[in-house]
Amino acid sequence: MKKYLMIVALIAVVSCSKKEANPNMDSNVMLEEPVAKVVDSAAAGKNEGLALIEGADCLTCHKMDVRVVGPSYQEVADKYTEGDLDMLANKIIDGGKGNWGEIPMTPHAGMSKENAKKMVEYIMTLKK
């Protein structure tokens, strides 16, 4: 009888002991969501206009040196002068069509004129 009790006790101990986690098996334990570190682009040495461009949807249709849906930023810089700064900032805010073909540029009505000007000022630095 002692033998029988010892076997049952051994089975109970083994089955209740803590098992090591297998990294290949699914777990029902939720992990903490990673937190992204936000860096102020201007403080990190990046041009504020470039940071605004990267933070908006601009790069969907425009690239620095390649025409995509709209003109490249270098094409814009080569076509316009510093005197066109206000007009180009308004184009970003109001959108438009016809200067670079029939595909319209999406308006960005929620953007401030100040930020649109910073974007245009950066674009103008790309003039060849």
Protein backbone atom coordinates (compact mmCIF):
# COMPACT_ATOMS: atom_id res chain seq x y z
CA MET A 1 0.00 0.00 0.00
CA LYS A 2 2.90 2.37 0.78
CA LYS A 3 4.23 1.76 -2.73
CA TYR A 4 0.87 2.70 -4.21
CA LEU A 5 0.63 5.95 -2.18
CA MET A 6 4.18 6.92 -3.12
CA ILE A 7 3.43 6.46 -6.85
CA VAL A 8 0.24 8.56 -6.57
CA ALA A 9 2.11 11.26 -4.64
CA LEU A 10 4.92 11.29 -7.21
CA ILE A 11 2.42 11.62 -10.09
CA ALA A 12 0.67 14.48 -8.27
CA VAL A 13 3.95 16.31 -7.67
CA VAL A 14 5.08 15.91 -11.27
CA SER A 15 1.74 16.96 -12.76
CA CYS A 16 1.44 20.02 -10.50
CA SER A 17 4.99 21.19 -10.88
CA LYS A 18 5.67 24.38 -12.82
CA LYS A 19 6.62 23.73 -16.43
CA GLU A 20 9.10 25.88 -18.33
CA ALA A 21 7.54 28.11 -20.96
CA ASN A 22 7.98 26.91 -24.50
CA PRO A 23 8.58 29.92 -26.78
CA ASN A 24 7.08 28.00 -29.72
CA MET A 25 3.72 27.47 -28.04
CA ASP A 26 0.88 29.97 -27.96
CA SER A 27 0.19 31.70 -24.69
CA ASN A 28 -2.95 33.23 -23.34
CA VAL A 29 -0.95 35.78 -21.35
CA MET A 30 -1.25 39.31 -22.74
CA LEU A 31 2.03 41.15 -23.04
CA GLU A 32 2.36 44.87 -22.53
CA GLU A 33 2.00 46.87 -25.72
CA PRO A 34 5.29 48.47 -26.76
CA VAL A 35 5.45 52.23 -26.33
CA ALA A 36 6.88 54.28 -29.19
CA LYS A 37 9.32 56.97 -28.17
CA VAL A 38 8.37 60.32 -29.69
CA VAL A 39 11.28 62.49 -30.75
CA ASP A 40 10.95 66.17 -31.63
CA SER A 41 12.31 66.24 -35.19
CA ALA A 42 13.45 69.86 -34.99
CA ALA A 43 15.35 69.15 -31.80
CA ALA A 44 16.92 66.08 -33.42
CA GLY A 45 18.45 68.27 -36.12
CA LYS A 46 15.89 67.57 -38.84
CA ASN A 47 14.50 70.50 -40.84
CA GLU A 48 11.07 71.39 -39.46
CA GLY A 49 9.56 71.60 -42.96
CA LEU A 50 10.80 68.09 -43.76
CA ALA A 51 9.42 66.79 -40.47
CA LEU A 52 6.01 68.30 -41.34
CA ILE A 53 6.11 66.69 -44.81
CA GLU A 54 6.99 63.31 -43.32
CA GLY A 55 4.21 63.65 -40.74
CA ALA A 56 1.53 64.44 -43.32
CA ASP A 57 0.32 62.39 -46.28
CA CYS A 58 2.53 64.27 -48.79
CA LEU A 59 4.91 61.39 -49.51
CA THR A 60 2.03 59.33 -50.85
CA CYS A 61 1.98 61.44 -54.03
CA HIS A 62 5.34 63.27 -53.97
CA LYS A 63 8.95 62.12 -53.60
CA MET A 64 12.10 64.22 -53.33
CA ASP A 65 13.54 63.51 -56.77
CA VAL A 66 11.07 61.23 -58.56
CA ARG A 67 7.67 62.07 -60.03
CA VAL A 68 4.96 59.81 -58.61
CA VAL A 69 1.33 61.01 -58.76
CA GLY A 70 2.40 64.64 -58.48
CA PRO A 71 5.69 66.36 -59.28
CA SER A 72 8.84 65.66 -57.31
CA TYR A 73 9.84 68.28 -54.79
CA GLN A 74 12.92 69.08 -56.89
CA GLU A 75 10.68 69.81 -59.91
CA VAL A 76 8.58 72.17 -57.76
CA ALA A 77 11.70 73.91 -56.43
CA ASP A 78 13.10 74.32 -59.95
CA LYS A 79 9.85 75.75 -61.34
CA TYR A 80 9.06 78.30 -58.62
CA THR A 81 10.93 81.06 -56.78
CA GLU A 82 10.93 82.36 -53.21
CA GLY A 83 8.33 84.91 -54.37
CA ASP A 84 5.86 82.04 -54.89
CA LEU A 85 6.04 80.93 -51.25
CA ASP A 86 2.57 82.21 -50.26
CA MET A 87 0.95 80.87 -53.43
CA LEU A 88 2.46 77.41 -52.90
CA ALA A 89 1.50 77.38 -49.21
CA ASN A 90 -2.09 78.19 -50.24
CA LYS A 91 -1.92 75.37 -52.83
CA ILE A 92 -1.07 72.91 -50.06
CA ILE A 93 -4.01 74.12 -47.98
CA ASP A 94 -6.58 74.58 -50.77
CA GLY A 95 -5.46 71.86 -53.18
CA GLY A 96 -5.59 72.45 -56.90
CA LYS A 97 -5.37 71.09 -60.39
CA GLY A 98 -3.87 72.05 -63.72
CA ASN A 99 -0.30 73.19 -62.98
CA TRP A 100 1.16 69.69 -63.24
CA GLY A 101 -1.56 67.84 -65.17
CA GLU A 102 -5.16 66.90 -64.62
CA ILE A 103 -4.77 64.89 -61.41
CA PRO A 104 -5.93 67.17 -58.57
CA MET A 105 -3.90 67.75 -55.43
CA THR A 106 -5.85 66.93 -52.29
CA PRO A 107 -6.58 69.95 -50.10
CA HIS A 108 -5.17 70.02 -46.58
CA ALA A 109 -7.72 72.40 -45.09
CA GLY A 110 -6.74 71.65 -41.49
CA MET A 111 -3.15 72.75 -42.00
CA SER A 112 -2.02 76.16 -40.78
CA LYS A 113 -0.53 78.61 -43.24
CA GLU A 114 2.58 78.78 -41.04
CA ASN A 115 3.20 75.03 -41.33
CA ALA A 116 2.47 75.03 -45.07
CA LYS A 117 5.06 77.80 -45.50
CA LYS A 118 7.66 75.79 -43.55
CA MET A 119 7.04 72.88 -45.89
CA VAL A 120 7.43 75.09 -48.98
CA GLU A 121 10.59 76.68 -47.54
CA TYR A 122 12.08 73.20 -47.17
CA ILE A 123 11.03 72.23 -50.71
CA MET A 124 12.72 75.37 -52.07
CA THR A 125 16.04 74.22 -50.54
CA LEU A 126 16.00 71.34 -53.05
CA LYS A 127 16.46 73.70 -56.04
CA LYS A 128 19.26 72.46 -58.29
